[in-house]
Amino acid sequence: MKKITLILAFICSIIATAQESFPGKYADLLLGKEVRVKDFPTRDSYEGFYQDENQQKIYAPIPRPSIYTKKDALLGKVFKVTATKPLSGFDNPSLLTLVGENDLHVYYMYHPALSYEYPFEVIGGLTLPDGFYCDLVKESKFGDTVSYSAFTGDGSKVSKDVSPKGTEYYLTLIAFLPQDSKPLQSATIILEGDKVLTKKSDLIIPQFQTSISFKYTYTILLNPKELALLKANKIVGIKFGEQVANLTMGPKIQGVLNCLTK
């Protein structure tokens, strides 16, 4: 009973994070939104923040190299996005004007191609246009199989394989956790609304990362019932053995699956 209570408490605590904060190529979606600077646990600084609109002076620079901003100058701070200015560049970047407490103005160089560098959580999430997640899908061909796939964050992936034999949908999830001492044959995907999906897989692969951390890769073939469940409910976590990991790419996975099944 105690374990069930802990898992339910975990689900409630992370459902709030299952909102989209990354605007992709639609930087204007951030206009008027409040954003909170999130933590990158493995880093001690941020990149792309400036004191001026001309991007000549780094905001709160560390001593060396001075292109980075001190972590404690930004971590957890809340800003309102008051302007987005399109700029030229390989991925059509934009300069965001951020206004914080005491009328503090900071400028951030936003690159839509660099989702892994995006440092903000949008308070309340974004309202996305129709087809937003379809931009993530890439097409490739292997022999007589055409694959439509999208990486959805932290190495996770959704794919649709079309061949003369039929159409198959695959989901790969990745989590970083301490290594489980027991062999793993299944995992439980935790969904919003107190729903779960437990399924066996021969493709649960732990890979050594650090002395205390392993990367678990979990790949499953989705049947029609499971596909419908994941299209209707966002993923918020995954449970390997007794270990539970928060997953934040749930909105992307749901959006891509709905795009692939149109």
Protein backbone atom coordinates (compact mmCIF):
# COMPACT_ATOMS: atom_id res chain seq x y z
CA MET A 1 0.00 0.00 0.00
CA LYS A 2 2.85 2.37 0.83
CA LYS A 3 4.48 1.75 -2.58
CA ILE A 4 1.20 2.48 -4.38
CA THR A 5 0.76 5.71 -2.41
CA LEU A 6 4.29 6.82 -3.28
CA ILE A 7 3.79 6.13 -6.98
CA LEU A 8 0.47 8.02 -7.02
CA ALA A 9 2.12 10.96 -5.25
CA PHE A 10 4.90 10.89 -7.85
CA ILE A 11 2.37 10.92 -10.69
CA CYS A 12 0.55 13.92 -9.21
CA SER A 13 3.82 15.79 -8.76
CA ILE A 14 4.94 15.38 -12.38
CA ILE A 15 1.71 15.76 -14.32
CA ALA A 16 2.17 19.51 -14.02
CA THR A 17 5.43 19.19 -15.98
CA ALA A 18 3.71 17.46 -18.91
CA GLN A 19 3.11 20.73 -20.72
CA GLU A 20 4.90 21.97 -23.79
CA SER A 21 7.38 24.78 -23.18
CA PHE A 22 9.47 24.61 -26.36
CA PRO A 23 7.93 26.62 -29.25
CA GLY A 24 9.90 25.08 -32.11
CA LYS A 25 9.91 27.39 -35.12
CA TYR A 26 7.06 29.44 -33.64
CA ALA A 27 8.98 31.82 -31.35
CA ASP A 28 5.99 34.20 -31.24
CA LEU A 29 4.13 31.63 -29.13
CA LEU A 30 6.25 32.91 -26.23
CA LEU A 31 4.97 36.49 -26.48
CA GLY A 32 3.30 37.57 -23.25
CA LYS A 33 4.24 34.33 -21.49
CA GLU A 34 6.07 34.05 -18.18
CA VAL A 35 9.07 31.73 -18.31
CA ARG A 36 11.16 30.26 -15.51
CA VAL A 37 14.85 29.50 -16.05
CA LYS A 38 15.25 25.77 -15.46
CA ASP A 39 18.19 23.83 -14.10
CA PHE A 40 20.70 21.87 -16.16
CA PRO A 41 22.11 19.67 -13.35
CA THR A 42 25.34 18.82 -15.20
CA ARG A 43 26.19 22.44 -16.07
CA ASP A 44 27.39 25.40 -14.03
CA SER A 45 26.44 28.15 -16.50
CA TYR A 46 24.04 29.25 -19.24
CA GLU A 47 24.67 30.33 -22.83
CA GLY A 48 22.92 32.86 -25.05
CA PHE A 49 21.94 35.54 -22.49
CA TYR A 50 22.89 39.17 -23.13
CA GLN A 51 22.70 42.54 -21.39
CA ASP A 52 21.91 44.40 -24.61
CA GLU A 53 19.79 43.98 -27.71
CA ASN A 54 22.87 44.06 -29.94
CA GLN A 55 24.29 40.97 -28.19
CA GLN A 56 27.58 42.68 -27.41
CA LYS A 57 27.67 42.05 -23.65
CA ILE A 58 27.05 38.74 -21.94
CA TYR A 59 24.65 38.92 -19.01
CA ALA A 60 26.42 38.17 -15.67
CA PRO A 61 29.42 36.50 -17.34
CA ILE A 62 31.62 33.96 -15.62
CA PRO A 63 35.34 34.94 -15.61
CA ARG A 64 36.47 32.52 -18.31
CA PRO A 65 35.24 31.83 -20.90
CA SER A 66 33.16 34.99 -20.70
CA ILE A 67 30.59 33.85 -23.29
CA TYR A 68 28.70 32.04 -20.50
CA THR A 69 26.40 33.40 -17.78
CA LYS A 70 26.78 32.49 -14.11
CA LYS A 71 24.27 29.83 -13.12
CA ASP A 72 23.19 31.52 -9.89
CA ALA A 73 22.39 34.73 -11.79
CA LEU A 74 19.53 33.04 -13.65
CA LEU A 75 18.51 29.73 -12.07
CA GLY A 76 14.85 29.81 -11.02
CA LYS A 77 14.26 33.42 -12.06
CA VAL A 78 10.96 34.30 -13.74
CA PHE A 79 10.77 36.63 -16.75
CA LYS A 80 8.01 37.82 -19.05
CA VAL A 81 8.67 37.59 -22.79
CA THR A 82 7.77 41.02 -24.16
CA ALA A 83 9.24 40.82 -27.68
CA THR A 84 10.60 38.35 -30.24
CA LYS A 85 12.88 39.66 -32.99
CA PRO A 86 13.61 37.40 -36.01
CA LEU A 87 17.29 37.22 -36.93
CA SER A 88 19.23 35.61 -39.76
CA GLY A 89 20.96 32.28 -39.16
CA PHE A 90 21.05 28.60 -40.05
CA ASP A 91 17.82 27.86 -38.15
CA ASN A 92 16.08 31.26 -38.28
CA PRO A 93 16.81 32.26 -34.67
CA SER A 94 15.02 34.97 -32.70
CA LEU A 95 16.12 37.37 -29.99
CA LEU A 96 13.78 37.25 -26.99
CA THR A 97 13.34 40.27 -24.75
CA LEU A 98 12.89 39.13 -21.15
CA VAL A 99 11.67 41.46 -18.41
CA GLY A 100 12.12 40.45 -14.79
CA GLU A 101 11.81 41.98 -11.33
CA ASN A 102 12.64 45.67 -10.93
CA ASP A 103 12.34 46.13 -14.71
CA LEU A 104 15.43 44.00 -15.34
CA HIS A 105 15.89 43.52 -19.10
CA VAL A 106 17.76 40.46 -20.38
CA TYR A 107 18.00 39.23 -23.98
CA TYR A 108 18.16 35.60 -25.06
CA MET A 109 19.22 34.17 -28.43
CA TYR A 110 16.63 31.50 -29.20
CA HIS A 111 17.55 28.74 -31.67
CA PRO A 112 14.61 26.52 -32.76
CA ALA A 113 17.02 23.76 -33.86
CA LEU A 114 18.62 23.46 -30.40
CA SER A 115 15.83 22.15 -28.18
CA TYR A 116 18.37 20.53 -25.84
CA GLU A 117 19.81 23.99 -25.06
CA TYR A 118 16.43 25.61 -24.36
CA PRO A 119 16.57 26.91 -20.76
CA PHE A 120 12.94 27.79 -20.02
CA GLU A 121 9.82 26.29 -18.52
CA VAL A 122 6.75 28.20 -19.70
CA ILE A 123 4.44 28.79 -16.75
CA GLY A 124 1.07 27.35 -17.76
CA GLY A 125 2.51 25.83 -20.95
CA LEU A 126 2.07 26.92 -24.56
CA THR A 127 -1.03 26.90 -26.77
CA LEU A 128 0.17 25.09 -29.87
CA PRO A 129 -1.06 25.45 -33.47
CA ASP A 130 -2.52 22.44 -35.28
CA GLY A 131 0.17 20.19 -36.75
CA PHE A 132 2.88 21.61 -34.49
CA TYR A 133 4.49 18.23 -33.84
CA CYS A 134 4.37 17.14 -37.47
CA ASP A 135 7.44 19.34 -38.02
CA LEU A 136 9.46 16.83 -35.98
CA VAL A 137 8.77 13.87 -38.29
CA LYS A 138 11.48 12.83 -40.76
CA GLU A 139 11.11 10.31 -43.57
CA SER A 140 13.69 7.69 -44.48
CA LYS A 141 13.73 4.51 -46.57
CA PHE A 142 15.38 1.13 -45.96
CA GLY A 143 14.78 -1.34 -48.77
CA ASP A 144 11.04 -1.67 -49.20
CA THR A 145 10.28 -0.08 -45.80
CA VAL A 146 9.50 3.61 -45.41
CA SER A 147 10.05 4.92 -41.90
CA TYR A 148 8.53 8.08 -40.43
CA SER A 149 10.25 8.91 -37.15
CA ALA A 150 10.70 11.73 -34.67
CA PHE A 151 13.08 12.20 -31.76
CA THR A 152 11.06 13.59 -28.87
CA GLY A 153 13.74 14.53 -26.36
CA ASP A 154 16.49 12.88 -24.30
CA GLY A 155 16.95 10.24 -27.00
CA SER A 156 13.34 9.04 -26.92
CA LYS A 157 11.81 8.24 -30.29
CA VAL A 158 8.50 7.50 -32.01
CA SER A 159 8.45 5.75 -35.38
CA LYS A 160 6.03 4.40 -37.96
CA ASP A 161 7.32 1.75 -40.37
CA VAL A 162 5.36 1.09 -43.55
CA SER A 163 6.23 -2.02 -45.59
CA PRO A 164 4.46 -4.52 -47.84
CA LYS A 165 3.77 -6.52 -44.65
CA GLY A 166 1.83 -3.67 -43.04
CA THR A 167 2.31 -0.71 -40.73
CA GLU A 168 4.03 -0.90 -37.34
CA TYR A 169 4.44 1.73 -34.61
CA TYR A 170 7.39 1.72 -32.20
CA LEU A 171 8.12 3.71 -29.06
CA THR A 172 11.56 4.07 -27.47
CA LEU A 173 11.88 5.66 -24.04
CA ILE A 174 15.10 6.48 -22.21
CA ALA A 175 15.59 7.08 -18.49
CA PHE A 176 18.65 7.64 -16.29
CA LEU A 177 18.49 5.68 -13.05
CA PRO A 178 20.65 3.64 -10.64
CA GLN A 179 21.21 0.16 -11.99
CA ASP A 180 18.62 -2.38 -10.84
CA SER A 181 20.16 -5.52 -9.39
CA LYS A 182 17.46 -7.70 -10.95
CA PRO A 183 17.13 -8.53 -14.66
CA LEU A 184 14.34 -6.46 -16.20
CA GLN A 185 11.81 -7.97 -18.60
CA SER A 186 9.16 -5.27 -18.51
CA ALA A 187 8.55 -1.66 -17.61
CA THR A 188 5.50 0.37 -16.65
CA ILE A 189 4.77 3.58 -18.55
CA ILE A 190 2.98 6.05 -16.28
CA LEU A 191 0.32 8.19 -17.93
CA GLU A 192 -1.74 11.15 -16.79
CA GLY A 193 -5.16 10.37 -15.35
CA ASP A 194 -3.80 7.53 -13.13
CA LYS A 195 -3.38 5.26 -16.16
CA VAL A 196 -0.46 2.91 -16.78
CA LEU A 197 0.83 0.70 -19.58
CA THR A 198 2.93 -2.31 -18.58
CA LYS A 199 4.56 -4.36 -21.29
CA LYS A 200 7.34 -6.89 -21.65
CA SER A 201 10.21 -6.12 -23.97
CA ASP A 202 13.38 -7.89 -25.01
CA LEU A 203 14.83 -4.44 -25.63
CA ILE A 204 15.44 -3.11 -22.12
CA ILE A 205 19.10 -2.15 -22.30
CA PRO A 206 21.02 -0.67 -19.35
CA GLN A 207 24.20 1.17 -20.35
CA PHE A 208 26.82 2.41 -17.90
CA GLN A 209 26.90 6.21 -17.58
CA THR A 210 28.59 7.03 -14.26
CA SER A 211 29.49 5.10 -11.12
CA ILE A 212 25.90 5.50 -9.88
CA SER A 213 23.86 6.03 -13.05
CA PHE A 214 22.72 3.82 -15.91
CA LYS A 215 20.83 4.76 -19.05
CA TYR A 216 17.85 2.47 -19.57
CA THR A 217 16.55 2.16 -23.14
CA TYR A 218 13.07 0.64 -23.48
CA THR A 219 11.64 -0.15 -26.94
CA ILE A 220 8.20 -1.62 -27.62
CA LEU A 221 5.99 -2.39 -30.61
CA LEU A 222 2.59 -0.77 -30.04
CA ASN A 223 -0.59 -2.69 -30.75
CA PRO A 224 -3.76 -0.75 -31.75
CA LYS A 225 -5.10 -0.61 -28.17
CA GLU A 226 -1.80 0.68 -26.78
CA LEU A 227 -1.50 3.19 -29.61
CA ALA A 228 -4.97 4.57 -28.84
CA LEU A 229 -4.11 4.82 -25.13
CA LEU A 230 -0.93 6.82 -25.79
CA LYS A 231 -2.67 9.10 -28.30
CA ALA A 232 -5.28 10.00 -25.68
CA ASN A 233 -3.02 10.30 -22.60
CA LYS A 234 0.34 12.00 -22.06
CA ILE A 235 3.26 10.01 -20.69
CA VAL A 236 4.59 11.47 -17.43
CA GLY A 237 7.01 8.80 -16.20
CA ILE A 238 8.34 5.26 -16.45
CA LYS A 239 8.92 2.61 -13.79
CA PHE A 240 11.75 0.07 -14.03
CA GLY A 241 11.53 -2.43 -11.17
CA GLU A 242 11.08 -0.27 -8.08
CA GLN A 243 12.61 2.82 -9.66
CA VAL A 244 10.51 5.61 -11.14
CA ALA A 245 11.80 8.29 -13.52
CA ASN A 246 10.11 11.53 -14.50
CA LEU A 247 9.69 11.96 -18.29
CA THR A 248 8.98 15.41 -19.72
CA MET A 249 8.58 14.52 -23.40
CA GLY A 250 5.01 13.27 -22.99
CA PRO A 251 3.37 16.11 -24.96
CA LYS A 252 5.76 15.55 -27.90
CA ILE A 253 5.15 11.80 -27.95
CA GLN A 254 1.39 12.28 -27.87
CA GLY A 255 1.53 14.95 -30.57
CA VAL A 256 3.76 12.90 -32.88
CA LEU A 257 1.61 9.79 -32.52
CA ASN A 258 -1.49 11.80 -33.42
CA CYS A 259 0.35 13.21 -36.42
CA LEU A 260 1.56 9.79 -37.63
CA THR A 261 -1.91 8.26 -37.43
CA LYS A 262 -3.78 10.94 -39.37
